[in-house]
């Protein structure tokens, strides 16, 4: 990942990366941080 932006008001997270990232890897990282992703 090269950048992560969080908009608390909207609940949106934007992740920038120079290489592809598996969606499951993002989900695991978010959950390990104590949060969850909306489906």
PDB file of N, CA and C in Angstrom:
ATOM      1  N   UNK A   1       0.834  -1.169   0.000  1.00  0.00           N
ATOM      2  CA  UNK A   1       0.000   0.000   0.000  1.00  0.00           C
ATOM      3  C   UNK A   1       0.881   1.236   0.000  1.00  0.00           C
ATOM      4  N   UNK A   2       0.450   2.212  -0.759  1.00  0.00           N
ATOM      5  CA  UNK A   2       1.200   3.463  -0.799  1.00  0.00           C
ATOM      6  C   UNK A   2       0.491   4.583  -0.064  1.00  0.00           C
ATOM      7  N   UNK A   3      -0.841   4.424   0.137  1.00  0.00           N
ATOM      8  CA  UNK A   3      -1.598   5.465   0.828  1.00  0.00           C
ATOM      9  C   UNK A   3      -2.938   4.896   1.282  1.00  0.00           C
ATOM     10  N   UNK A   4      -3.405   5.369   2.433  1.00  0.00           N
ATOM     11  CA  UNK A   4      -4.729   5.011   2.937  1.00  0.00           C
ATOM     12  C   UNK A   4      -5.394   6.286   3.408  1.00  0.00           C
ATOM     13  N   UNK A   5      -6.605   6.543   2.912  1.00  0.00           N
ATOM     14  CA  UNK A   5      -7.380   7.713   3.337  1.00  0.00           C
ATOM     15  C   UNK A   5      -8.685   7.226   3.941  1.00  0.00           C
ATOM     16  N   UNK A   6      -9.052   7.792   5.095  1.00  0.00           N
ATOM     17  CA  UNK A   6     -10.285   7.413   5.780  1.00  0.00           C
ATOM     18  C   UNK A   6     -11.160   8.648   5.926  1.00  0.00           C
ATOM     19  N   UNK A   7     -12.410   8.537   5.476  1.00  0.00           N
ATOM     20  CA  UNK A   7     -13.400   9.595   5.661  1.00  0.00           C
ATOM     21  C   UNK A   7     -14.377   9.096   6.713  1.00  0.00           C
ATOM     22  N   UNK A   8     -14.177   9.531   7.944  1.00  0.00           N
ATOM     23  CA  UNK A   8     -14.990   9.051   9.062  1.00  0.00           C
ATOM     24  C   UNK A   8     -16.460   9.404   8.868  1.00  0.00           C
ATOM     25  N   UNK A   9     -16.742  10.581   8.361  1.00  0.00           N
ATOM     26  CA  UNK A   9     -18.128  11.021   8.188  1.00  0.00           C
ATOM     27  C   UNK A   9     -18.907  10.099   7.249  1.00  0.00           C
ATOM     28  N   UNK A  10     -18.271   9.670   6.166  1.00  0.00           N
ATOM     29  CA  UNK A  10     -18.966   8.813   5.201  1.00  0.00           C
ATOM     30  C   UNK A  10     -18.717   7.332   5.451  1.00  0.00           C
ATOM     31  N   UNK A  11     -17.695   7.026   6.267  1.00  0.00           N
ATOM     32  CA  UNK A  11     -17.346   5.633   6.516  1.00  0.00           C
ATOM     33  C   UNK A  11     -16.589   4.996   5.372  1.00  0.00           C
ATOM     34  N   UNK A  12     -16.022   5.816   4.500  1.00  0.00           N
ATOM     35  CA  UNK A  12     -15.332   5.314   3.320  1.00  0.00           C
ATOM     36  C   UNK A  12     -13.824   5.300   3.530  1.00  0.00           C
ATOM     37  N   UNK A  13     -13.180   4.239   3.021  1.00  0.00           N
ATOM     38  CA  UNK A  13     -11.726   4.105   3.062  1.00  0.00           C
ATOM     39  C   UNK A  13     -11.241   3.965   1.627  1.00  0.00           C
ATOM     40  N   UNK A  14     -10.197   4.711   1.276  1.00  0.00           N
ATOM     41  CA  UNK A  14      -9.587   4.611  -0.041  1.00  0.00           C
ATOM     42  C   UNK A  14      -8.158   4.132   0.138  1.00  0.00           C
ATOM     43  N   UNK A  15      -7.810   3.040  -0.547  1.00  0.00           N
ATOM     44  CA  UNK A  15      -6.479   2.452  -0.446  1.00  0.00           C
ATOM     45  C   UNK A  15      -5.802   2.571  -1.800  1.00  0.00           C
ATOM     46  N   UNK A  16      -4.576   3.085  -1.805  1.00  0.00           N
ATOM     47  CA  UNK A  16      -3.779   3.170  -3.030  1.00  0.00           C
ATOM     48  C   UNK A  16      -2.604   2.206  -2.905  1.00  0.00           C
ATOM     49  N   UNK A  17      -2.276   1.545  -4.008  1.00  0.00           N
ATOM     50  CA  UNK A  17      -1.186   0.583  -4.001  1.00  0.00           C
ATOM     51  C   UNK A  17      -0.549   0.529  -5.381  1.00  0.00           C
ATOM     52  N   UNK A  18       0.756   0.279  -5.398  1.00  0.00           N
ATOM     53  CA  UNK A  18       1.455   0.150  -6.675  1.00  0.00           C
ATOM     54  C   UNK A  18       1.338  -1.271  -7.228  1.00  0.00           C
ATOM     55  N   UNK A  19       0.802  -2.190  -6.417  1.00  0.00           N
ATOM     56  CA  UNK A  19       0.613  -3.576  -6.845  1.00  0.00           C
ATOM     57  C   UNK A  19      -0.783  -4.030  -6.431  1.00  0.00           C
ATOM     58  N   UNK A  20      -1.314  -5.033  -7.111  1.00  0.00           N
ATOM     59  CA  UNK A  20      -2.637  -5.540  -6.735  1.00  0.00           C
ATOM     60  C   UNK A  20      -2.656  -6.043  -5.287  1.00  0.00           C
ATOM     61  N   UNK A  21      -3.789  -5.847  -4.625  1.00  0.00           N
ATOM     62  CA  UNK A  21      -3.973  -6.325  -3.257  1.00  0.00           C
ATOM     63  C   UNK A  21      -5.212  -7.209  -3.251  1.00  0.00           C
ATOM     64  N   UNK A  22      -5.088  -8.381  -2.662  1.00  0.00           N
ATOM     65  CA  UNK A  22      -6.231  -9.287  -2.554  1.00  0.00           C
ATOM     66  C   UNK A  22      -7.268  -8.694  -1.606  1.00  0.00           C
ATOM     67  N   UNK A  23      -8.536  -8.683  -1.992  1.00  0.00           N
ATOM     68  CA  UNK A  23      -9.584  -8.159  -1.108  1.00  0.00           C
ATOM     69  C   UNK A  23      -9.606  -8.831   0.262  1.00  0.00           C
ATOM     70  N   UNK A  24      -9.321 -10.141   0.318  1.00  0.00           N
ATOM     71  CA  UNK A  24      -9.306 -10.834   1.607  1.00  0.00           C
ATOM     72  C   UNK A  24      -8.205 -10.303   2.515  1.00  0.00           C
ATOM     73  N   UNK A  25      -7.072  -9.891   1.952  1.00  0.00           N
ATOM     74  CA  UNK A  25      -5.985  -9.335   2.762  1.00  0.00           C
ATOM     75  C   UNK A  25      -6.417  -8.014   3.386  1.00  0.00           C
ATOM     76  N   UNK A  26      -7.169  -7.227   2.652  1.00  0.00           N
ATOM     77  CA  UNK A  26      -7.679  -5.960   3.188  1.00  0.00           C
ATOM     78  C   UNK A  26      -8.675  -6.242   4.307  1.00  0.00           C
ATOM     79  N   UNK A  27      -9.590  -7.182   4.062  1.00  0.00           N
ATOM     80  CA  UNK A  27     -10.594  -7.529   5.077  1.00  0.00           C
ATOM     81  C   UNK A  27      -9.929  -7.997   6.368  1.00  0.00           C
ATOM     82  N   UNK A  28      -8.932  -8.863   6.267  1.00  0.00           N
ATOM     83  CA  UNK A  28      -8.236  -9.375   7.449  1.00  0.00           C
ATOM     84  C   UNK A  28      -7.553  -8.235   8.199  1.00  0.00           C
ATOM     85  N   UNK A  29      -6.882  -7.349   7.486  1.00  0.00           N
ATOM     86  CA  UNK A  29      -6.195  -6.228   8.139  1.00  0.00           C
ATOM     87  C   UNK A  29      -7.180  -5.314   8.857  1.00  0.00           C
ATOM     88  N   UNK A  30      -8.313  -5.048   8.229  1.00  0.00           N
ATOM     89  CA  UNK A  30      -9.331  -4.189   8.839  1.00  0.00           C
ATOM     90  C   UNK A  30      -9.896  -4.853  10.089  1.00  0.00           C
ATOM     91  N   UNK A  31     -10.207  -6.143   9.996  1.00  0.00           N
ATOM     92  CA  UNK A  31     -10.770  -6.854  11.143  1.00  0.00           C
ATOM     93  C   UNK A  31      -9.765  -6.978  12.281  1.00  0.00           C
ATOM     94  N   UNK A  32      -8.482  -7.179  11.958  1.00  0.00           N
ATOM     95  CA  UNK A  32      -7.454  -7.249  12.997  1.00  0.00           C
ATOM     96  C   UNK A  32      -7.294  -5.910  13.711  1.00  0.00           C
ATOM     97  N   UNK A  33      -7.638  -4.829  13.028  1.00  0.00           N
ATOM     98  CA  UNK A  33      -7.572  -3.495  13.637  1.00  0.00           C
ATOM     99  C   UNK A  33      -8.820  -3.202  14.471  1.00  0.00           C
ATOM    100  N   UNK A  34      -9.773  -4.145  14.481  1.00  0.00           N
ATOM    101  CA  UNK A  34     -10.961  -3.982  15.307  1.00  0.00           C
ATOM    102  C   UNK A  34     -12.153  -3.364  14.600  1.00  0.00           C
ATOM    103  N   UNK A  35     -12.129  -3.346  13.269  1.00  0.00           N
ATOM    104  CA  UNK A  35     -13.216  -2.769  12.484  1.00  0.00           C
ATOM    105  C   UNK A  35     -13.809  -3.844  11.586  1.00  0.00           C
ATOM    106  N   UNK A  36     -14.837  -3.485  10.810  1.00  0.00           N
ATOM    107  CA  UNK A  36     -15.408  -4.419   9.849  1.00  0.00           C
ATOM    108  C   UNK A  36     -15.726  -3.683   8.553  1.00  0.00           C
ATOM    109  N   UNK A  37     -15.806  -4.453   7.482  1.00  0.00           N
ATOM    110  CA  UNK A  37     -16.144  -3.891   6.176  1.00  0.00           C
ATOM    111  C   UNK A  37     -17.623  -4.095   5.903  1.00  0.00           C
ATOM    112  N   UNK A  38     -18.261  -3.096   5.351  1.00  0.00           N
ATOM    113  CA  UNK A  38     -19.652  -3.233   4.911  1.00  0.00           C
ATOM    114  C   UNK A  38     -19.647  -3.995   3.594  1.00  0.00           C
ATOM    115  N   UNK A  39     -20.615  -4.835   3.412  1.00  0.00           N
ATOM    116  CA  UNK A  39     -20.701  -5.631   2.177  1.00  0.00           C
ATOM    117  C   UNK A  39     -21.621  -4.986   1.186  1.00  0.00           C
TER     118      UNK A  39
END
